[in-house]
Amino acid sequence: MENEIKTITPADVDKLLKDGKKISIIDVREDEEVEAGKIPTAKHIRLMEIPERLDEIEKEKEHIMVCRSGRRSENASLFLQEQGYKVKNMIGGMLEWEGEKK
């Protein structure tokens, strides 16, 4: 399927970070949700801001999209994929994140 979104688990994201991999994580939650804690290296771009902030998202890199449960990040992933970006959705979102938070 053309619009199939690749997924990654929170545990796999945590392992990539612990292994020192340079990965791009974009957190699409609202400001108050991010204040409660986000993945330390994640860039915060609210879901509604993604279309006007595309210039901040590098096309050459793969990006891991994150939200609270995985639904909004899935929408963000679909949108970005349609624009030609390489993305993965972190399934389960921050509800299932057991790694470090900032």
PDB file of N, CA and C in Angstrom:
ATOM      1  N   MET A   1       0.832  -1.200   0.000  1.00  0.00           N
ATOM      2  CA  MET A   1       0.000   0.000   0.000  1.00  0.00           C
ATOM      3  C   MET A   1       0.870   1.255   0.000  1.00  0.00           C
ATOM      4  N   GLU A   2       0.508   2.185  -0.809  1.00  0.00           N
ATOM      5  CA  GLU A   2       1.297   3.420  -0.965  1.00  0.00           C
ATOM      6  C   GLU A   2       1.352   4.251   0.314  1.00  0.00           C
ATOM      7  N   ASN A   3       0.215   4.343   1.014  1.00  0.00           N
ATOM      8  CA  ASN A   3       0.199   5.221   2.193  1.00  0.00           C
ATOM      9  C   ASN A   3       0.409   4.457   3.498  1.00  0.00           C
ATOM     10  N   GLU A   4       0.999   3.281   3.401  1.00  0.00           N
ATOM     11  CA  GLU A   4       1.332   2.509   4.591  1.00  0.00           C
ATOM     12  C   GLU A   4       2.422   3.251   5.367  1.00  0.00           C
ATOM     13  N   ILE A   5       2.185   3.454   6.649  1.00  0.00           N
ATOM     14  CA  ILE A   5       3.168   4.153   7.485  1.00  0.00           C
ATOM     15  C   ILE A   5       4.028   3.124   8.202  1.00  0.00           C
ATOM     16  N   LYS A   6       5.332   3.310   8.139  1.00  0.00           N
ATOM     17  CA  LYS A   6       6.228   2.438   8.895  1.00  0.00           C
ATOM     18  C   LYS A   6       6.082   2.803  10.365  1.00  0.00           C
ATOM     19  N   THR A   7       6.214   1.799  11.225  1.00  0.00           N
ATOM     20  CA  THR A   7       6.090   2.064  12.660  1.00  0.00           C
ATOM     21  C   THR A   7       7.349   1.600  13.387  1.00  0.00           C
ATOM     22  N   ILE A   8       7.501   2.124  14.592  1.00  0.00           N
ATOM     23  CA  ILE A   8       8.610   1.746  15.456  1.00  0.00           C
ATOM     24  C   ILE A   8       8.064   1.769  16.878  1.00  0.00           C
ATOM     25  N   THR A   9       8.553   0.871  17.719  1.00  0.00           N
ATOM     26  CA  THR A   9       8.067   0.832  19.096  1.00  0.00           C
ATOM     27  C   THR A   9       8.862   1.796  19.973  1.00  0.00           C
ATOM     28  N   PRO A  10       8.252   2.258  21.070  1.00  0.00           N
ATOM     29  CA  PRO A  10       8.998   3.114  21.996  1.00  0.00           C
ATOM     30  C   PRO A  10      10.293   2.439  22.477  1.00  0.00           C
ATOM     31  N   ALA A  11      10.242   1.134  22.723  1.00  0.00           N
ATOM     32  CA  ALA A  11      11.442   0.421  23.184  1.00  0.00           C
ATOM     33  C   ALA A  11      12.547   0.469  22.129  1.00  0.00           C
ATOM     34  N   ASP A  12      12.171   0.345  20.850  1.00  0.00           N
ATOM     35  CA  ASP A  12      13.169   0.401  19.777  1.00  0.00           C
ATOM     36  C   ASP A  12      13.767   1.806  19.649  1.00  0.00           C
ATOM     37  N   VAL A  13      12.930   2.836  19.826  1.00  0.00           N
ATOM     38  CA  VAL A  13      13.430   4.213  19.779  1.00  0.00           C
ATOM     39  C   VAL A  13      14.427   4.428  20.917  1.00  0.00           C
ATOM     40  N   ASP A  14      14.062   3.964  22.105  1.00  0.00           N
ATOM     41  CA  ASP A  14      14.936   4.105  23.272  1.00  0.00           C
ATOM     42  C   ASP A  14      16.273   3.400  23.023  1.00  0.00           C
ATOM     43  N   LYS A  15      16.213   2.219  22.414  1.00  0.00           N
ATOM     44  CA  LYS A  15      17.442   1.457  22.129  1.00  0.00           C
ATOM     45  C   LYS A  15      18.326   2.221  21.128  1.00  0.00           C
ATOM     46  N   LEU A  16      17.719   2.785  20.087  1.00  0.00           N
ATOM     47  CA  LEU A  16      18.488   3.572  19.111  1.00  0.00           C
ATOM     48  C   LEU A  16      19.207   4.726  19.811  1.00  0.00           C
ATOM     49  N   LEU A  17      18.498   5.406  20.709  1.00  0.00           N
ATOM     50  CA  LEU A  17      19.093   6.530  21.430  1.00  0.00           C
ATOM     51  C   LEU A  17      20.225   6.057  22.348  1.00  0.00           C
ATOM     52  N   LYS A  18      19.989   4.960  23.052  1.00  0.00           N
ATOM     53  CA  LYS A  18      21.014   4.430  23.962  1.00  0.00           C
ATOM     54  C   LYS A  18      22.234   3.944  23.196  1.00  0.00           C
ATOM     55  N   ASP A  19      22.013   3.490  21.960  1.00  0.00           N
ATOM     56  CA  ASP A  19      23.125   3.037  21.115  1.00  0.00           C
ATOM     57  C   ASP A  19      23.863   4.227  20.489  1.00  0.00           C
ATOM     58  N   GLY A  20      23.391   5.427  20.787  1.00  0.00           N
ATOM     59  CA  GLY A  20      24.053   6.627  20.281  1.00  0.00           C
ATOM     60  C   GLY A  20      23.741   6.962  18.833  1.00  0.00           C
ATOM     61  N   LYS A  21      22.661   6.383  18.296  1.00  0.00           N
ATOM     62  CA  LYS A  21      22.279   6.665  16.911  1.00  0.00           C
ATOM     63  C   LYS A  21      21.738   8.093  16.821  1.00  0.00           C
ATOM     64  N   LYS A  22      22.110   8.763  15.725  1.00  0.00           N
ATOM     65  CA  LYS A  22      21.599  10.126  15.487  1.00  0.00           C
ATOM     66  C   LYS A  22      20.253   9.976  14.777  1.00  0.00           C
ATOM     67  N   ILE A  23      19.187  10.084  15.545  1.00  0.00           N
ATOM     68  CA  ILE A  23      17.864   9.959  14.935  1.00  0.00           C
ATOM     69  C   ILE A  23      17.084  11.249  15.161  1.00  0.00           C
ATOM     70  N   SER A  24      16.214  11.547  14.220  1.00  0.00           N
ATOM     71  CA  SER A  24      15.377  12.733  14.333  1.00  0.00           C
ATOM     72  C   SER A  24      14.019  12.311  14.878  1.00  0.00           C
ATOM     73  N   ILE A  25      13.662  12.898  16.016  1.00  0.00           N
ATOM     74  CA  ILE A  25      12.363  12.617  16.632  1.00  0.00           C
ATOM     75  C   ILE A  25      11.588  13.935  16.646  1.00  0.00           C
ATOM     76  N   ILE A  26      10.351  13.884  16.157  1.00  0.00           N
ATOM     77  CA  ILE A  26       9.501  15.080  16.162  1.00  0.00           C
ATOM     78  C   ILE A  26       8.268  14.792  17.011  1.00  0.00           C
ATOM     79  N   ASP A  27       8.096  15.589  18.052  1.00  0.00           N
ATOM     80  CA  ASP A  27       6.969  15.443  18.977  1.00  0.00           C
ATOM     81  C   ASP A  27       5.886  16.417  18.540  1.00  0.00           C
ATOM     82  N   VAL A  28       4.717  15.886  18.184  1.00  0.00           N
ATOM     83  CA  VAL A  28       3.651  16.734  17.628  1.00  0.00           C
ATOM     84  C   VAL A  28       2.575  17.091  18.662  1.00  0.00           C
ATOM     85  N   ARG A  29       2.855  16.840  19.937  1.00  0.00           N
ATOM     86  CA  ARG A  29       1.859  17.132  20.975  1.00  0.00           C
ATOM     87  C   ARG A  29       1.743  18.635  21.229  1.00  0.00           C
ATOM     88  N   GLU A  30       0.738  18.984  22.035  1.00  0.00           N
ATOM     89  CA  GLU A  30       0.525  20.382  22.415  1.00  0.00           C
ATOM     90  C   GLU A  30       1.569  20.789  23.457  1.00  0.00           C
ATOM     91  N   ASP A  31       1.751  22.111  23.610  1.00  0.00           N
ATOM     92  CA  ASP A  31       2.768  22.649  24.513  1.00  0.00           C
ATOM     93  C   ASP A  31       2.679  22.084  25.925  1.00  0.00           C
ATOM     94  N   GLU A  32       1.454  22.062  26.485  1.00  0.00           N
ATOM     95  CA  GLU A  32       1.313  21.616  27.874  1.00  0.00           C
ATOM     96  C   GLU A  32       1.646  20.133  28.031  1.00  0.00           C
ATOM     97  N   GLU A  33       1.402  19.336  26.984  1.00  0.00           N
ATOM     98  CA  GLU A  33       1.750  17.918  27.046  1.00  0.00           C
ATOM     99  C   GLU A  33       3.272  17.753  27.056  1.00  0.00           C
ATOM    100  N   VAL A  34       3.950  18.544  26.232  1.00  0.00           N
ATOM    101  CA  VAL A  34       5.406  18.463  26.137  1.00  0.00           C
ATOM    102  C   VAL A  34       6.057  18.935  27.440  1.00  0.00           C
ATOM    103  N   GLU A  35       5.437  19.925  28.105  1.00  0.00           N
ATOM    104  CA  GLU A  35       5.979  20.409  29.372  1.00  0.00           C
ATOM    105  C   GLU A  35       6.007  19.308  30.424  1.00  0.00           C
ATOM    106  N   ALA A  36       5.105  18.345  30.301  1.00  0.00           N
ATOM    107  CA  ALA A  36       5.046  17.233  31.257  1.00  0.00           C
ATOM    108  C   ALA A  36       6.177  16.234  31.014  1.00  0.00           C
ATOM    109  N   GLY A  37       6.908  16.410  29.929  1.00  0.00           N
ATOM    110  CA  GLY A  37       8.057  15.551  29.653  1.00  0.00           C
ATOM    111  C   GLY A  37       8.063  15.053  28.227  1.00  0.00           C
ATOM    112  N   LYS A  38       9.241  15.164  27.592  1.00  0.00           N
ATOM    113  CA  LYS A  38       9.383  14.659  26.235  1.00  0.00           C
ATOM    114  C   LYS A  38      10.700  13.913  26.123  1.00  0.00           C
ATOM    115  N   ILE A  39      10.863  13.189  25.024  1.00  0.00           N
ATOM    116  CA  ILE A  39      12.121  12.506  24.761  1.00  0.00           C
ATOM    117  C   ILE A  39      13.179  13.607  24.621  1.00  0.00           C
ATOM    118  N   PRO A  40      14.285  13.527  25.367  1.00  0.00           N
ATOM    119  CA  PRO A  40      15.232  14.650  25.419  1.00  0.00           C
ATOM    120  C   PRO A  40      15.677  15.221  24.069  1.00  0.00           C
ATOM    121  N   THR A  41      15.889  14.375  23.073  1.00  0.00           N
ATOM    122  CA  THR A  41      16.385  14.879  21.785  1.00  0.00           C
ATOM    123  C   THR A  41      15.274  15.264  20.814  1.00  0.00           C
ATOM    124  N   ALA A  42      14.019  15.096  21.226  1.00  0.00           N
ATOM    125  CA  ALA A  42      12.907  15.356  20.306  1.00  0.00           C
ATOM    126  C   ALA A  42      12.745  16.843  20.026  1.00  0.00           C
ATOM    127  N   LYS A  43      12.403  17.135  18.771  1.00  0.00           N
ATOM    128  CA  LYS A  43      12.073  18.506  18.369  1.00  0.00           C
ATOM    129  C   LYS A  43      10.557  18.641  18.499  1.00  0.00           C
ATOM    130  N   HIS A  44      10.103  19.736  19.084  1.00  0.00           N
ATOM    131  CA  HIS A  44       8.667  19.926  19.280  1.00  0.00           C
ATOM    132  C   HIS A  44       8.081  20.793  18.163  1.00  0.00           C
ATOM    133  N   ILE A  45       7.222  20.175  17.349  1.00  0.00           N
ATOM    134  CA  ILE A  45       6.466  20.920  16.335  1.00  0.00           C
ATOM    135  C   ILE A  45       5.021  20.454  16.478  1.00  0.00           C
ATOM    136  N   ARG A  46       4.159  21.314  16.983  1.00  0.00           N
ATOM    137  CA  ARG A  46       2.761  20.920  17.169  1.00  0.00           C
ATOM    138  C   ARG A  46       2.148  20.471  15.840  1.00  0.00           C
ATOM    139  N   LEU A  47       1.262  19.488  15.925  1.00  0.00           N
ATOM    140  CA  LEU A  47       0.647  18.901  14.729  1.00  0.00           C
ATOM    141  C   LEU A  47       0.131  19.968  13.764  1.00  0.00           C
ATOM    142  N   MET A  48      -0.574  20.968  14.289  1.00  0.00           N
ATOM    143  CA  MET A  48      -1.168  21.995  13.431  1.00  0.00           C
ATOM    144  C   MET A  48      -0.115  22.890  12.768  1.00  0.00           C
ATOM    145  N   GLU A  49       1.103  22.907  13.336  1.00  0.00           N
ATOM    146  CA  GLU A  49       2.156  23.776  12.793  1.00  0.00           C
ATOM    147  C   GLU A  49       2.999  23.086  11.716  1.00  0.00           C
ATOM    148  N   ILE A  50       2.848  21.790  11.580  1.00  0.00           N
ATOM    149  CA  ILE A  50       3.723  21.065  10.646  1.00  0.00           C
ATOM    150  C   ILE A  50       3.700  21.631   9.226  1.00  0.00           C
ATOM    151  N   PRO A  51       2.510  21.901   8.644  1.00  0.00           N
ATOM    152  CA  PRO A  51       2.536  22.413   7.262  1.00  0.00           C
ATOM    153  C   PRO A  51       3.361  23.682   7.076  1.00  0.00           C
ATOM    154  N   GLU A  52       3.304  24.614   8.054  1.00  0.00           N
ATOM    155  CA  GLU A  52       4.070  25.854   7.872  1.00  0.00           C
ATOM    156  C   GLU A  52       5.509  25.753   8.368  1.00  0.00           C
ATOM    157  N   ARG A  53       5.874  24.635   8.973  1.00  0.00           N
ATOM    158  CA  ARG A  53       7.244  24.494   9.480  1.00  0.00           C
ATOM    159  C   ARG A  53       8.018  23.392   8.757  1.00  0.00           C
ATOM    160  N   LEU A  54       7.561  23.040   7.554  1.00  0.00           N
ATOM    161  CA  LEU A  54       8.224  21.993   6.775  1.00  0.00           C
ATOM    162  C   LEU A  54       9.703  22.297   6.536  1.00  0.00           C
ATOM    163  N   ASP A  55      10.045  23.580   6.440  1.00  0.00           N
ATOM    164  CA  ASP A  55      11.436  23.950   6.184  1.00  0.00           C
ATOM    165  C   ASP A  55      12.368  23.564   7.339  1.00  0.00           C
ATOM    166  N   GLU A  56      11.784  23.262   8.501  1.00  0.00           N
ATOM    167  CA  GLU A  56      12.592  22.841   9.655  1.00  0.00           C
ATOM    168  C   GLU A  56      12.814  21.337   9.678  1.00  0.00           C
ATOM    169  N   ILE A  57      12.155  20.631   8.775  1.00  0.00           N
ATOM    170  CA  ILE A  57      12.226  19.168   8.752  1.00  0.00           C
ATOM    171  C   ILE A  57      13.051  18.744   7.540  1.00  0.00           C
ATOM    172  N   GLU A  58      14.199  18.151   7.790  1.00  0.00           N
ATOM    173  CA  GLU A  58      15.098  17.782   6.689  1.00  0.00           C
ATOM    174  C   GLU A  58      14.539  16.624   5.873  1.00  0.00           C
ATOM    175  N   LYS A  59      14.525  16.808   4.556  1.00  0.00           N
ATOM    176  CA  LYS A  59      13.988  15.769   3.670  1.00  0.00           C
ATOM    177  C   LYS A  59      14.909  14.554   3.557  1.00  0.00           C
ATOM    178  N   GLU A  60      16.215  14.762   3.754  1.00  0.00           N
ATOM    179  CA  GLU A  60      17.174  13.676   3.564  1.00  0.00           C
ATOM    180  C   GLU A  60      17.125  12.669   4.709  1.00  0.00           C
ATOM    181  N   LYS A  61      16.655  13.107   5.868  1.00  0.00           N
ATOM    182  CA  LYS A  61      16.657  12.255   7.057  1.00  0.00           C
ATOM    183  C   LYS A  61      15.337  11.518   7.218  1.00  0.00           C
ATOM    184  N   GLU A  62      15.410  10.421   7.976  1.00  0.00           N
ATOM    185  CA  GLU A  62      14.170   9.768   8.391  1.00  0.00           C
ATOM    186  C   GLU A  62      13.787  10.346   9.751  1.00  0.00           C
ATOM    187  N   HIS A  63      12.503  10.574   9.944  1.00  0.00           N
ATOM    188  CA  HIS A  63      12.017  11.179  11.177  1.00  0.00           C
ATOM    189  C   HIS A  63      11.068  10.229  11.893  1.00  0.00           C
ATOM    190  N   ILE A  64      11.172  10.203  13.202  1.00  0.00           N
ATOM    191  CA  ILE A  64      10.260   9.404  14.021  1.00  0.00           C
ATOM    192  C   ILE A  64       9.267  10.364  14.651  1.00  0.00           C
ATOM    193  N   MET A  65       7.999  10.126  14.366  1.00  0.00           N
ATOM    194  CA  MET A  65       6.936  11.014  14.826  1.00  0.00           C
ATOM    195  C   MET A  65       6.349  10.485  16.132  1.00  0.00           C
ATOM    196  N   VAL A  66       6.138  11.403  17.091  1.00  0.00           N
ATOM    197  CA  VAL A  66       5.694  11.016  18.425  1.00  0.00           C
ATOM    198  C   VAL A  66       4.537  11.901  18.885  1.00  0.00           C
ATOM    199  N   CYS A  67       3.550  11.295  19.558  1.00  0.00           N
ATOM    200  CA  CYS A  67       2.517  12.066  20.255  1.00  0.00           C
ATOM    201  C   CYS A  67       2.175  11.313  21.538  1.00  0.00           C
ATOM    202  N   ARG A  68       1.003  11.539  22.086  1.00  0.00           N
ATOM    203  CA  ARG A  68       0.654  10.899  23.357  1.00  0.00           C
ATOM    204  C   ARG A  68       0.379   9.413  23.180  1.00  0.00           C
ATOM    205  N   SER A  69      -0.452   9.072  22.188  1.00  0.00           N
ATOM    206  CA  SER A  69      -0.849   7.669  22.028  1.00  0.00           C
ATOM    207  C   SER A  69      -0.486   7.071  20.671  1.00  0.00           C
ATOM    208  N   GLY A  70      -0.084   7.912  19.716  1.00  0.00           N
ATOM    209  CA  GLY A  70       0.264   7.406  18.394  1.00  0.00           C
ATOM    210  C   GLY A  70      -0.718   7.789  17.296  1.00  0.00           C
ATOM    211  N   ARG A  71      -1.845   8.394  17.644  1.00  0.00           N
ATOM    212  CA  ARG A  71      -2.847   8.764  16.627  1.00  0.00           C
ATOM    213  C   ARG A  71      -2.458  10.050  15.886  1.00  0.00           C
ATOM    214  N   ARG A  72      -2.152  11.099  16.622  1.00  0.00           N
ATOM    215  CA  ARG A  72      -1.789  12.363  15.961  1.00  0.00           C
ATOM    216  C   ARG A  72      -0.488  12.215  15.183  1.00  0.00           C
ATOM    217  N   SER A  73       0.444  11.458  15.757  1.00  0.00           N
ATOM    218  CA  SER A  73       1.712  11.271  15.054  1.00  0.00           C
ATOM    219  C   SER A  73       1.502  10.453  13.783  1.00  0.00           C
ATOM    220  N   GLU A  74       0.493   9.580  13.790  1.00  0.00           N
ATOM    221  CA  GLU A  74       0.174   8.834  12.572  1.00  0.00           C
ATOM    222  C   GLU A  74      -0.349   9.796  11.500  1.00  0.00           C
ATOM    223  N   ASN A  75      -1.193  10.739  11.907  1.00  0.00           N
ATOM    224  CA  ASN A  75      -1.687  11.749  10.959  1.00  0.00           C
ATOM    225  C   ASN A  75      -0.539  12.591  10.419  1.00  0.00           C
ATOM    226  N   ALA A  76       0.373  12.988  11.315  1.00  0.00           N
ATOM    227  CA  ALA A  76       1.535  13.771  10.899  1.00  0.00           C
ATOM    228  C   ALA A  76       2.393  12.956   9.933  1.00  0.00           C
ATOM    229  N   SER A  77       2.548  11.673  10.223  1.00  0.00           N
ATOM    230  CA  SER A  77       3.348  10.791   9.362  1.00  0.00           C
ATOM    231  C   SER A  77       2.741  10.691   7.965  1.00  0.00           C
ATOM    232  N   LEU A  78       1.427  10.514   7.903  1.00  0.00           N
ATOM    233  CA  LEU A  78       0.739  10.430   6.607  1.00  0.00           C
ATOM    234  C   LEU A  78       0.964  11.708   5.811  1.00  0.00           C
ATOM    235  N   PHE A  79       0.781  12.849   6.469  1.00  0.00           N
ATOM    236  CA  PHE A  79       0.955  14.138   5.793  1.00  0.00           C
ATOM    237  C   PHE A  79       2.385  14.287   5.272  1.00  0.00           C
ATOM    238  N   LEU A  80       3.365  14.032   6.138  1.00  0.00           N
ATOM    239  CA  LEU A  80       4.770  14.198   5.738  1.00  0.00           C
ATOM    240  C   LEU A  80       5.160  13.227   4.633  1.00  0.00           C
ATOM    241  N   GLN A  81       4.656  11.996   4.721  1.00  0.00           N
ATOM    242  CA  GLN A  81       4.967  11.012   3.691  1.00  0.00           C
ATOM    243  C   GLN A  81       4.426  11.472   2.338  1.00  0.00           C
ATOM    244  N   GLU A  82       3.234  12.063   2.358  1.00  0.00           N
ATOM    245  CA  GLU A  82       2.656  12.592   1.113  1.00  0.00           C
ATOM    246  C   GLU A  82       3.515  13.717   0.537  1.00  0.00           C
ATOM    247  N   GLN A  83       4.247  14.423   1.408  1.00  0.00           N
ATOM    248  CA  GLN A  83       5.123  15.516   0.954  1.00  0.00           C
ATOM    249  C   GLN A  83       6.506  14.996   0.552  1.00  0.00           C
ATOM    250  N   GLY A  84       6.687  13.680   0.620  1.00  0.00           N
ATOM    251  CA  GLY A  84       7.958  13.105   0.201  1.00  0.00           C
ATOM    252  C   GLY A  84       8.980  12.889   1.309  1.00  0.00           C
ATOM    253  N   TYR A  85       8.538  12.978   2.565  1.00  0.00           N
ATOM    254  CA  TYR A  85       9.445  12.753   3.696  1.00  0.00           C
ATOM    255  C   TYR A  85       9.479  11.278   4.084  1.00  0.00           C
ATOM    256  N   LYS A  86      10.600  10.868   4.686  1.00  0.00           N
ATOM    257  CA  LYS A  86      10.721   9.500   5.211  1.00  0.00           C
ATOM    258  C   LYS A  86      10.396   9.569   6.701  1.00  0.00           C
ATOM    259  N   VAL A  87       9.350   8.863   7.084  1.00  0.00           N
ATOM    260  CA  VAL A  87       8.897   8.929   8.479  1.00  0.00           C
ATOM    261  C   VAL A  87       8.535   7.550   9.021  1.00  0.00           C
ATOM    262  N   LYS A  88       8.587   7.465  10.343  1.00  0.00           N
ATOM    263  CA  LYS A  88       8.072   6.297  11.071  1.00  0.00           C
ATOM    264  C   LYS A  88       7.230   6.845  12.205  1.00  0.00           C
ATOM    265  N   ASN A  89       6.154   6.140  12.521  1.00  0.00           N
ATOM    266  CA  ASN A  89       5.296   6.537  13.633  1.00  0.00           C
ATOM    267  C   ASN A  89       5.658   5.700  14.862  1.00  0.00           C
ATOM    268  N   MET A  90       5.892   6.364  15.997  1.00  0.00           N
ATOM    269  CA  MET A  90       6.151   5.625  17.230  1.00  0.00           C
ATOM    270  C   MET A  90       4.814   5.185  17.810  1.00  0.00           C
ATOM    271  N   ILE A  91       4.526   3.897  17.644  1.00  0.00           N
ATOM    272  CA  ILE A  91       3.229   3.374  18.092  1.00  0.00           C
ATOM    273  C   ILE A  91       3.165   3.347  19.617  1.00  0.00           C
ATOM    274  N   GLY A  92       1.986   3.635  20.147  1.00  0.00           N
ATOM    275  CA  GLY A  92       1.815   3.661  21.595  1.00  0.00           C
ATOM    276  C   GLY A  92       2.159   5.010  22.202  1.00  0.00           C
ATOM    277  N   GLY A  93       2.921   5.817  21.450  1.00  0.00           N
ATOM    278  CA  GLY A  93       3.239   7.177  21.875  1.00  0.00           C
ATOM    279  C   GLY A  93       3.908   7.267  23.240  1.00  0.00           C
ATOM    280  N   MET A  94       3.822   8.450  23.823  1.00  0.00           N
ATOM    281  CA  MET A  94       4.473   8.713  25.102  1.00  0.00           C
ATOM    282  C   MET A  94       3.816   7.938  26.252  1.00  0.00           C
ATOM    283  N   LEU A  95       2.602   7.444  26.035  1.00  0.00           N
ATOM    284  CA  LEU A  95       1.952   6.619  27.058  1.00  0.00           C
ATOM    285  C   LEU A  95       2.776   5.353  27.308  1.00  0.00           C
ATOM    286  N   GLU A  96       3.469   4.879  26.275  1.00  0.00           N
ATOM    287  CA  GLU A  96       4.253   3.648  26.407  1.00  0.00           C
ATOM    288  C   GLU A  96       5.756   3.899  26.482  1.00  0.00           C
ATOM    289  N   TRP A  97       6.152   5.165  26.505  1.00  0.00           N
ATOM    290  CA  TRP A  97       7.575   5.506  26.551  1.00  0.00           C
ATOM    291  C   TRP A  97       8.104   5.256  27.954  1.00  0.00           C
ATOM    292  N   GLU A  98       9.157   4.431  28.052  1.00  0.00           N
ATOM    293  CA  GLU A  98       9.738   4.137  29.355  1.00  0.00           C
ATOM    294  C   GLU A  98      11.151   4.683  29.486  1.00  0.00           C
ATOM    295  N   GLY A  99      11.623   5.342  28.437  1.00  0.00           N
ATOM    296  CA  GLY A  99      12.970   5.886  28.452  1.00  0.00           C
ATOM    297  C   GLY A  99      13.043   7.204  29.204  1.00  0.00           C
ATOM    298  N   GLU A 100      14.160   7.868  29.027  1.00  0.00           N
ATOM    299  CA  GLU A 100      14.408   9.140  29.700  1.00  0.00           C
ATOM    300  C   GLU A 100      13.444  10.212  29.200  1.00  0.00           C
ATOM    301  N   LYS A 101      13.057  11.100  30.109  1.00  0.00           N
ATOM    302  CA  LYS A 101      12.217  12.250  29.743  1.00  0.00           C
ATOM    303  C   LYS A 101      12.869  13.513  30.248  1.00  0.00           C
ATOM    304  N   LYS A 102      12.612  14.587  29.528  1.00  0.00           N
ATOM    305  CA  LYS A 102      13.189  15.865  29.914  1.00  0.00           C
ATOM    306  C   LYS A 102      12.067  16.862  30.147  1.00  0.00           C
TER     307      LYS A 102
END
